[in-house]
C-alpha atoms as a PDB file:
ATOM      1  CA  MET A   1       9.350 -49.280 -30.992  1.00  0.00           C
ATOM      2  CA  LYS A   2      12.046 -51.888 -30.588  1.00  0.00           C
ATOM      3  CA  SER A   3      11.070 -55.241 -32.110  1.00  0.00           C
ATOM      4  CA  ASN A   4      13.946 -57.460 -30.978  1.00  0.00           C
ATOM      5  CA  ASN A   5      12.718 -58.057 -27.421  1.00  0.00           C
ATOM      6  CA  THR A   6      12.840 -61.786 -26.758  1.00  0.00           C
ATOM      7  CA  PRO A   7      10.195 -63.594 -24.686  1.00  0.00           C
ATOM      8  CA  ALA A   8      12.787 -63.977 -21.919  1.00  0.00           C
ATOM      9  CA  LYS A   9      13.414 -60.215 -21.918  1.00  0.00           C
ATOM     10  CA  ILE A  10       9.668 -59.533 -21.922  1.00  0.00           C
ATOM     11  CA  ILE A  11       9.070 -61.827 -18.945  1.00  0.00           C
ATOM     12  CA  GLU A  12      12.067 -60.355 -17.114  1.00  0.00           C
ATOM     13  CA  SER A  13      10.704 -56.826 -17.606  1.00  0.00           C
ATOM     14  CA  ILE A  14       7.258 -57.873 -16.341  1.00  0.00           C
ATOM     15  CA  GLN A  15       8.870 -59.438 -13.266  1.00  0.00           C
ATOM     16  CA  GLU A  16      10.759 -56.198 -12.633  1.00  0.00           C
ATOM     17  CA  PHE A  17       7.426 -54.393 -12.827  1.00  0.00           C
ATOM     18  CA  TYR A  18       5.889 -56.861 -10.323  1.00  0.00           C
ATOM     19  CA  ASN A  19       8.896 -56.333  -8.039  1.00  0.00           C
ATOM     20  CA  GLY A  20       8.226 -52.603  -7.934  1.00  0.00           C
ATOM     21  CA  ARG A  21      10.369 -51.093 -10.680  1.00  0.00           C
ATOM     22  CA  ASP A  22       8.911 -47.910 -12.131  1.00  0.00           C
ATOM     23  CA  PRO A  23       7.067 -48.661 -15.402  1.00  0.00           C
ATOM     24  CA  GLU A  24       8.480 -45.538 -17.039  1.00  0.00           C
ATOM     25  CA  GLU A  25      12.011 -46.873 -16.495  1.00  0.00           C
ATOM     26  CA  ILE A  26      11.022 -50.142 -18.134  1.00  0.00           C
ATOM     27  CA  TYR A  27       9.441 -48.405 -21.145  1.00  0.00           C
ATOM     28  CA  ASN A  28      12.503 -46.243 -21.651  1.00  0.00           C
ATOM     29  CA  ALA A  29      15.005 -49.081 -21.211  1.00  0.00           C
ATOM     30  CA  LEU A  30      13.180 -51.296 -23.719  1.00  0.00           C
ATOM     31  CA  GLU A  31      12.250 -48.409 -26.015  1.00  0.00           C
ATOM     32  CA  ILE A  32       8.570 -49.331 -26.057  1.00  0.00           C
ATOM     33  CA  ASP A  33       5.345 -47.471 -25.340  1.00  0.00           C
ATOM     34  CA  LYS A  34       2.845 -48.034 -22.541  1.00  0.00           C
ATOM     35  CA  ASN A  35       0.340 -49.846 -24.771  1.00  0.00           C
ATOM     36  CA  CYS A  36       2.962 -52.369 -25.838  1.00  0.00           C
ATOM     37  CA  PHE A  37       3.899 -53.068 -22.225  1.00  0.00           C
ATOM     38  CA  ASP A  38       0.233 -53.380 -21.247  1.00  0.00           C
ATOM     39  CA  ASN A  39      -0.187 -55.970 -24.004  1.00  0.00           C
ATOM     40  CA  TRP A  40       2.849 -57.846 -22.690  1.00  0.00           C
ATOM     41  CA  ILE A  41       1.384 -57.911 -19.196  1.00  0.00           C
ATOM     42  CA  ARG A  42      -1.910 -59.209 -20.603  1.00  0.00           C
ATOM     43  CA  ASP A  43      -0.179 -61.886 -22.715  1.00  0.00           C
ATOM     44  CA  PHE A  44       2.771 -62.862 -20.497  1.00  0.00           C
ATOM     45  CA  GLY A  45       1.825 -61.653 -17.007  1.00  0.00           C
ATOM     46  CA  SER A  46       0.622 -65.028 -15.755  1.00  0.00           C
ATOM     47  CA  ILE A  47       3.806 -66.720 -16.985  1.00  0.00           C
ATOM     48  CA  ALA A  48       5.987 -64.110 -15.293  1.00  0.00           C
ATOM     49  CA  ASN A  49       3.993 -64.409 -12.065  1.00  0.00           C
ATOM     50  CA  GLU A  50       4.207 -68.206 -12.096  1.00  0.00           C
ATOM     51  CA  LEU A  51       7.951 -68.043 -12.688  1.00  0.00           C
ATOM     52  CA  LEU A  52       8.357 -65.726  -9.685  1.00  0.00           C
ATOM     53  CA  GLU A  53       6.324 -68.127  -7.536  1.00  0.00           C
ATOM     54  CA  LEU A  54       8.396 -71.097  -8.723  1.00  0.00           C
ATOM     55  CA  ARG A  55      11.617 -69.257  -7.901  1.00  0.00           C
ATOM     56  CA  ASP A  56      10.339 -68.522  -4.387  1.00  0.00           C
ATOM     57  CA  GLU A  57       9.300 -72.147  -3.935  1.00  0.00           C
ATOM     58  CA  ASN A  58      12.683 -73.313  -5.219  1.00  0.00           C
ATOM     59  CA  ASP A  59      14.450 -71.062  -2.696  1.00  0.00           C
ATOM     60  CA  ASN A  60      12.274 -72.486   0.091  1.00  0.00           C
ATOM     61  CA  LEU A  61      13.017 -76.047  -1.023  1.00  0.00           C
ATOM     62  CA  ARG A  62      16.753 -75.325  -1.151  1.00  0.00           C
ATOM     63  CA  THR A  63      16.620 -73.963   2.395  1.00  0.00           C
ATOM     64  CA  MET A  64      14.626 -76.972   3.569  1.00  0.00           C
ATOM     65  CA  PHE A  65      17.067 -79.359   1.876  1.00  0.00           C
ATOM     66  CA  THR A  66      20.038 -77.603   3.480  1.00  0.00           C
ATOM     67  CA  ASN A  67      18.438 -77.767   6.925  1.00  0.00           C
ATOM     68  CA  LEU A  68      17.535 -81.440   6.541  1.00  0.00           C
ATOM     69  CA  SER A  69      21.042 -82.227   5.313  1.00  0.00           C
ATOM     70  CA  LEU A  70      22.505 -80.601   8.411  1.00  0.00           C
ATOM     71  CA  VAL A  71      20.146 -82.555  10.671  1.00  0.00           C
ATOM     72  CA  ASN A  72      20.993 -85.767   8.798  1.00  0.00           C
ATOM     73  CA  GLN A  73      24.729 -85.146   9.180  1.00  0.00           C
ATOM     74  CA  SER A  74      24.312 -84.410  12.883  1.00  0.00           C
ATOM     75  CA  LEU A  75      22.342 -87.627  13.388  1.00  0.00           C
ATOM     76  CA  ARG A  76      24.954 -89.627  11.473  1.00  0.00           C
ATOM     77  CA  ASN A  77      27.711 -88.157  13.627  1.00  0.00           C
ATOM     78  CA  SER A  78      25.773 -89.028  16.784  1.00  0.00           C
ATOM     79  CA  LEU A  79      25.160 -92.545  15.525  1.00  0.00           C
ATOM     80  CA  ASP A  80      28.837 -92.984  14.655  1.00  0.00           C
ATOM     81  CA  SER A  81      29.788 -91.769  18.126  1.00  0.00           C
ATOM     82  CA  LEU A  82      27.364 -94.202  19.771  1.00  0.00           C
ATOM     83  CA  THR A  83      28.559 -97.065  17.591  1.00  0.00           C
ATOM     84  CA  ARG A  84      32.179 -96.446  18.549  1.00  0.00           C
ATOM     85  CA  THR A  85      31.273 -96.304  22.247  1.00  0.00           C
ATOM     86  CA  ASP A  86      29.161 -99.457  21.995  1.00  0.00           C
ATOM     87  CA  SER A  87      31.931-101.330  20.191  1.00  0.00           C
ATOM     88  CA  LYS A  88      34.404-100.446  22.984  1.00  0.00           C
ATOM     89  CA  ILE A  89      31.959-101.771  25.580  1.00  0.00           C
ATOM     90  CA  PHE A  90      31.396-104.881  23.470  1.00  0.00           C
ATOM     91  CA  GLU A  91      35.170-105.483  23.210  1.00  0.00           C
ATOM     92  CA  LEU A  92      35.519-105.039  26.975  1.00  0.00           C
ATOM     93  CA  LEU A  93      32.731-107.584  27.596  1.00  0.00           C
ATOM     94  CA  LEU A  94      34.376-110.060  25.216  1.00  0.00           C
ATOM     95  CA  LYS A  95      37.669-109.729  27.076  1.00  0.00           C
ATOM     96  CA  LYS A  96      35.957-110.225  30.433  1.00  0.00           C
ATOM     97  CA  ARG A  97      34.016-113.199  29.076  1.00  0.00           C
ATOM     98  CA  GLY A  98      37.329-114.859  28.286  1.00  0.00           C
ATOM     99  CA  THR A  99      38.437-114.386  31.889  1.00  0.00           C
ATOM    100  CA  GLY A 100      35.118-115.559  33.318  1.00  0.00           C
ATOM    101  CA  ASN A 101      34.567-112.227  35.110  1.00  0.00           C
ATOM    102  CA  LEU A 102      31.518-110.526  33.489  1.00  0.00           C
ATOM    103  CA  SER A 103      30.929-107.874  36.153  1.00  0.00           C
ATOM    104  CA  PHE A 104      30.815-104.401  34.652  1.00  0.00           C
ATOM    105  CA  PRO A 105      33.594-102.093  35.858  1.00  0.00           C
END
């Protein structure tokens, strides 16, 4: 049995197991027996599962942030466009005010 498996390696191997990797491949790669791996799942399984859930949630939050950023940028562009149009109308009204003719073209 190999004794230099770090907690990170243990959790990674449990996550691979949860993701469908064949347990025999995991045992052979880590040079451990089934009982050792079963103990790891008992001791570290909840941590590995929680980490997988947090990664999924993080991916969802990244996607949500990206989508909201795109919407925000689109709204800012629309607002900038409206502001430029409004300022041109405002300038036109100021010019007409100076001439005394405030009728809109």
